[in-house]
Amino acid sequence: MKANDFDSKFESGEDITKYLDFSNAKRPEQEQKRVNVDFPVWMIHSLDKEAKRLGVPRQSLIKVLVAEHIQKATA
């Protein structure tokens, strides 16, 4: 299919997903990389308490807290 035809289908609101191959799709800067961080026990207890209060896993809470801090620091 030519790019113009593809664009026309998209612009007209047609579902174009059948023309796309998502098997090798990647989200830039979204790859996961494992890191190890040592926290003091008191901090783990505080993280676990807050994670339980919010109903989320500890790892998710840490990601959110770090992301919020980075956003504030770079704003």
N, C-alpha and C. Protein backbone atom coordinates (compact mmCIF):
# COMPACT_ATOMS: atom_id res chain seq x y z
N MET A 1 0.84 -1.17 0.00
CA MET A 1 0.00 0.00 0.00
C MET A 1 0.89 1.24 0.00
N LYS A 2 0.52 2.21 -0.78
CA LYS A 2 1.28 3.45 -0.86
C LYS A 2 0.96 4.33 0.34
N ALA A 3 1.91 5.16 0.69
CA ALA A 3 1.75 6.04 1.85
C ALA A 3 0.53 6.93 1.72
N ASN A 4 0.27 7.44 0.53
CA ASN A 4 -0.90 8.31 0.33
C ASN A 4 -2.20 7.56 0.62
N ASP A 5 -2.29 6.30 0.19
CA ASP A 5 -3.48 5.50 0.46
C ASP A 5 -3.63 5.25 1.96
N PHE A 6 -2.52 4.93 2.60
CA PHE A 6 -2.53 4.71 4.05
C PHE A 6 -2.99 5.97 4.77
N ASP A 7 -2.42 7.11 4.41
CA ASP A 7 -2.79 8.39 5.02
C ASP A 7 -4.27 8.69 4.82
N SER A 8 -4.78 8.43 3.64
CA SER A 8 -6.19 8.69 3.34
C SER A 8 -7.10 7.84 4.23
N LYS A 9 -6.75 6.58 4.37
CA LYS A 9 -7.54 5.70 5.24
C LYS A 9 -7.52 6.20 6.67
N PHE A 10 -6.34 6.59 7.14
CA PHE A 10 -6.22 7.11 8.51
C PHE A 10 -7.04 8.38 8.68
N GLU A 11 -6.90 9.31 7.75
CA GLU A 11 -7.60 10.59 7.83
C GLU A 11 -9.12 10.42 7.77
N SER A 12 -9.59 9.40 7.08
CA SER A 12 -11.03 9.19 6.98
C SER A 12 -11.59 8.46 8.20
N GLY A 13 -10.70 8.07 9.11
CA GLY A 13 -11.15 7.41 10.33
C GLY A 13 -11.23 5.90 10.23
N GLU A 14 -10.75 5.35 9.15
CA GLU A 14 -10.78 3.89 8.98
C GLU A 14 -9.79 3.25 9.96
N ASP A 15 -10.15 2.06 10.43
CA ASP A 15 -9.25 1.31 11.31
C ASP A 15 -8.07 0.80 10.47
N ILE A 16 -6.90 1.35 10.73
CA ILE A 16 -5.72 1.01 9.94
C ILE A 16 -4.84 -0.05 10.60
N THR A 17 -5.26 -0.54 11.77
CA THR A 17 -4.40 -1.48 12.50
C THR A 17 -4.15 -2.76 11.72
N LYS A 18 -5.09 -3.14 10.82
CA LYS A 18 -4.87 -4.36 10.04
C LYS A 18 -3.72 -4.20 9.05
N TYR A 19 -3.29 -2.98 8.81
CA TYR A 19 -2.18 -2.72 7.89
C TYR A 19 -0.83 -2.56 8.62
N LEU A 20 -0.86 -2.66 9.94
CA LEU A 20 0.35 -2.44 10.73
C LEU A 20 0.87 -3.75 11.30
N ASP A 21 2.19 -3.83 11.43
CA ASP A 21 2.84 -4.99 12.04
C ASP A 21 3.41 -4.53 13.38
N PHE A 22 2.77 -4.95 14.47
CA PHE A 22 3.18 -4.53 15.80
C PHE A 22 4.20 -5.48 16.43
N SER A 23 4.59 -6.52 15.72
CA SER A 23 5.46 -7.54 16.31
C SER A 23 6.82 -7.00 16.73
N ASN A 24 7.30 -5.98 16.06
CA ASN A 24 8.60 -5.41 16.42
C ASN A 24 8.49 -3.98 16.92
N ALA A 25 7.29 -3.58 17.28
CA ALA A 25 7.08 -2.20 17.75
C ALA A 25 7.75 -2.00 19.10
N LYS A 26 8.34 -0.84 19.26
CA LYS A 26 9.00 -0.48 20.52
C LYS A 26 8.61 0.93 20.90
N ARG A 27 8.54 1.17 22.19
CA ARG A 27 8.27 2.51 22.69
C ARG A 27 9.61 3.11 23.13
N PRO A 28 10.08 4.12 22.45
CA PRO A 28 11.38 4.71 22.78
C PRO A 28 11.45 5.15 24.24
N GLU A 29 12.57 4.89 24.84
CA GLU A 29 12.84 5.26 26.23
C GLU A 29 11.93 4.56 27.23
N GLN A 30 11.22 3.52 26.81
CA GLN A 30 10.33 2.79 27.71
C GLN A 30 10.83 1.38 28.02
N GLU A 31 11.99 1.02 27.50
CA GLU A 31 12.52 -0.30 27.79
C GLU A 31 12.79 -0.39 29.29
N GLN A 32 12.67 -1.60 29.81
CA GLN A 32 12.91 -1.81 31.23
C GLN A 32 14.36 -2.21 31.45
N LYS A 33 14.95 -1.70 32.52
CA LYS A 33 16.29 -2.10 32.91
C LYS A 33 16.28 -2.30 34.42
N ARG A 34 16.75 -3.45 34.83
CA ARG A 34 16.75 -3.78 36.26
C ARG A 34 17.90 -3.06 36.96
N VAL A 35 17.59 -2.49 38.11
CA VAL A 35 18.60 -1.89 38.97
C VAL A 35 18.39 -2.39 40.39
N ASN A 36 19.44 -2.44 41.14
CA ASN A 36 19.35 -2.85 42.54
C ASN A 36 19.63 -1.64 43.42
N VAL A 37 18.76 -1.42 44.38
CA VAL A 37 18.92 -0.31 45.32
C VAL A 37 18.78 -0.86 46.72
N ASP A 38 19.70 -0.51 47.58
CA ASP A 38 19.61 -0.92 48.98
C ASP A 38 18.97 0.21 49.78
N PHE A 39 17.90 -0.13 50.51
CA PHE A 39 17.20 0.82 51.36
C PHE A 39 17.36 0.40 52.81
N PRO A 40 17.40 1.36 53.73
CA PRO A 40 17.38 1.00 55.15
C PRO A 40 16.04 0.33 55.50
N VAL A 41 16.05 -0.51 56.51
CA VAL A 41 14.85 -1.25 56.88
C VAL A 41 13.69 -0.32 57.22
N TRP A 42 13.96 0.78 57.91
CA TRP A 42 12.87 1.70 58.27
C TRP A 42 12.18 2.24 57.01
N MET A 43 12.97 2.46 55.95
CA MET A 43 12.41 2.98 54.72
C MET A 43 11.55 1.93 54.03
N ILE A 44 11.99 0.68 54.05
CA ILE A 44 11.20 -0.41 53.48
C ILE A 44 9.87 -0.53 54.21
N HIS A 45 9.91 -0.42 55.53
CA HIS A 45 8.66 -0.49 56.30
C HIS A 45 7.72 0.65 55.92
N SER A 46 8.27 1.84 55.78
CA SER A 46 7.45 2.99 55.39
C SER A 46 6.89 2.82 53.98
N LEU A 47 7.71 2.34 53.06
CA LEU A 47 7.26 2.09 51.69
C LEU A 47 6.15 1.04 51.67
N ASP A 48 6.34 -0.03 52.43
CA ASP A 48 5.34 -1.10 52.47
C ASP A 48 4.02 -0.60 53.06
N LYS A 49 4.11 0.21 54.09
CA LYS A 49 2.90 0.76 54.71
C LYS A 49 2.13 1.64 53.72
N GLU A 50 2.85 2.50 53.00
CA GLU A 50 2.21 3.38 52.02
C GLU A 50 1.68 2.59 50.83
N ALA A 51 2.44 1.61 50.38
CA ALA A 51 1.99 0.78 49.26
C ALA A 51 0.71 0.04 49.64
N LYS A 52 0.66 -0.48 50.84
CA LYS A 52 -0.55 -1.18 51.30
C LYS A 52 -1.73 -0.22 51.38
N ARG A 53 -1.49 0.98 51.89
CA ARG A 53 -2.56 1.98 51.99
C ARG A 53 -3.13 2.30 50.61
N LEU A 54 -2.25 2.40 49.61
CA LEU A 54 -2.67 2.73 48.25
C LEU A 54 -3.14 1.50 47.46
N GLY A 55 -2.84 0.33 47.96
CA GLY A 55 -3.22 -0.91 47.27
C GLY A 55 -2.39 -1.18 46.04
N VAL A 56 -1.10 -0.84 46.11
CA VAL A 56 -0.20 -1.06 44.98
C VAL A 56 1.04 -1.81 45.47
N PRO A 57 1.76 -2.47 44.57
CA PRO A 57 3.02 -3.12 44.97
C PRO A 57 4.09 -2.08 45.32
N ARG A 58 5.01 -2.49 46.16
CA ARG A 58 6.10 -1.61 46.57
C ARG A 58 6.85 -1.06 45.37
N GLN A 59 7.15 -1.91 44.39
CA GLN A 59 7.91 -1.48 43.23
C GLN A 59 7.18 -0.36 42.47
N SER A 60 5.87 -0.48 42.35
CA SER A 60 5.10 0.55 41.66
C SER A 60 5.16 1.87 42.41
N LEU A 61 5.05 1.80 43.72
CA LEU A 61 5.14 3.02 44.53
C LEU A 61 6.50 3.68 44.36
N ILE A 62 7.56 2.90 44.39
CA ILE A 62 8.91 3.46 44.22
C ILE A 62 9.04 4.14 42.86
N LYS A 63 8.53 3.51 41.81
CA LYS A 63 8.59 4.10 40.47
C LYS A 63 7.86 5.43 40.42
N VAL A 64 6.68 5.48 41.02
CA VAL A 64 5.90 6.72 41.02
C VAL A 64 6.62 7.81 41.79
N LEU A 65 7.14 7.48 42.95
CA LEU A 65 7.84 8.48 43.77
C LEU A 65 9.08 9.02 43.06
N VAL A 66 9.84 8.14 42.45
CA VAL A 66 11.04 8.57 41.73
C VAL A 66 10.65 9.44 40.53
N ALA A 67 9.64 9.02 39.78
CA ALA A 67 9.19 9.78 38.61
C ALA A 67 8.71 11.17 39.02
N GLU A 68 7.94 11.26 40.11
CA GLU A 68 7.47 12.57 40.58
C GLU A 68 8.63 13.47 40.97
N HIS A 69 9.60 12.91 41.64
CA HIS A 69 10.77 13.69 42.06
C HIS A 69 11.54 14.20 40.83
N ILE A 70 11.73 13.34 39.85
CA ILE A 70 12.46 13.74 38.63
C ILE A 70 11.70 14.84 37.90
N GLN A 71 10.38 14.71 37.80
CA GLN A 71 9.58 15.73 37.12
C GLN A 71 9.69 17.08 37.82
N LYS A 72 9.63 17.06 39.15
CA LYS A 72 9.76 18.32 39.91
C LYS A 72 11.16 18.92 39.73
N ALA A 73 12.17 18.06 39.74
CA ALA A 73 13.54 18.55 39.66
C ALA A 73 13.88 19.11 38.27
N THR A 74 13.21 18.60 37.23
CA THR A 74 13.53 19.03 35.87
C THR A 74 12.54 20.07 35.35
N ALA A 75 11.57 20.44 36.16
CA ALA A 75 10.55 21.42 35.72
C ALA A 75 11.07 22.85 35.81
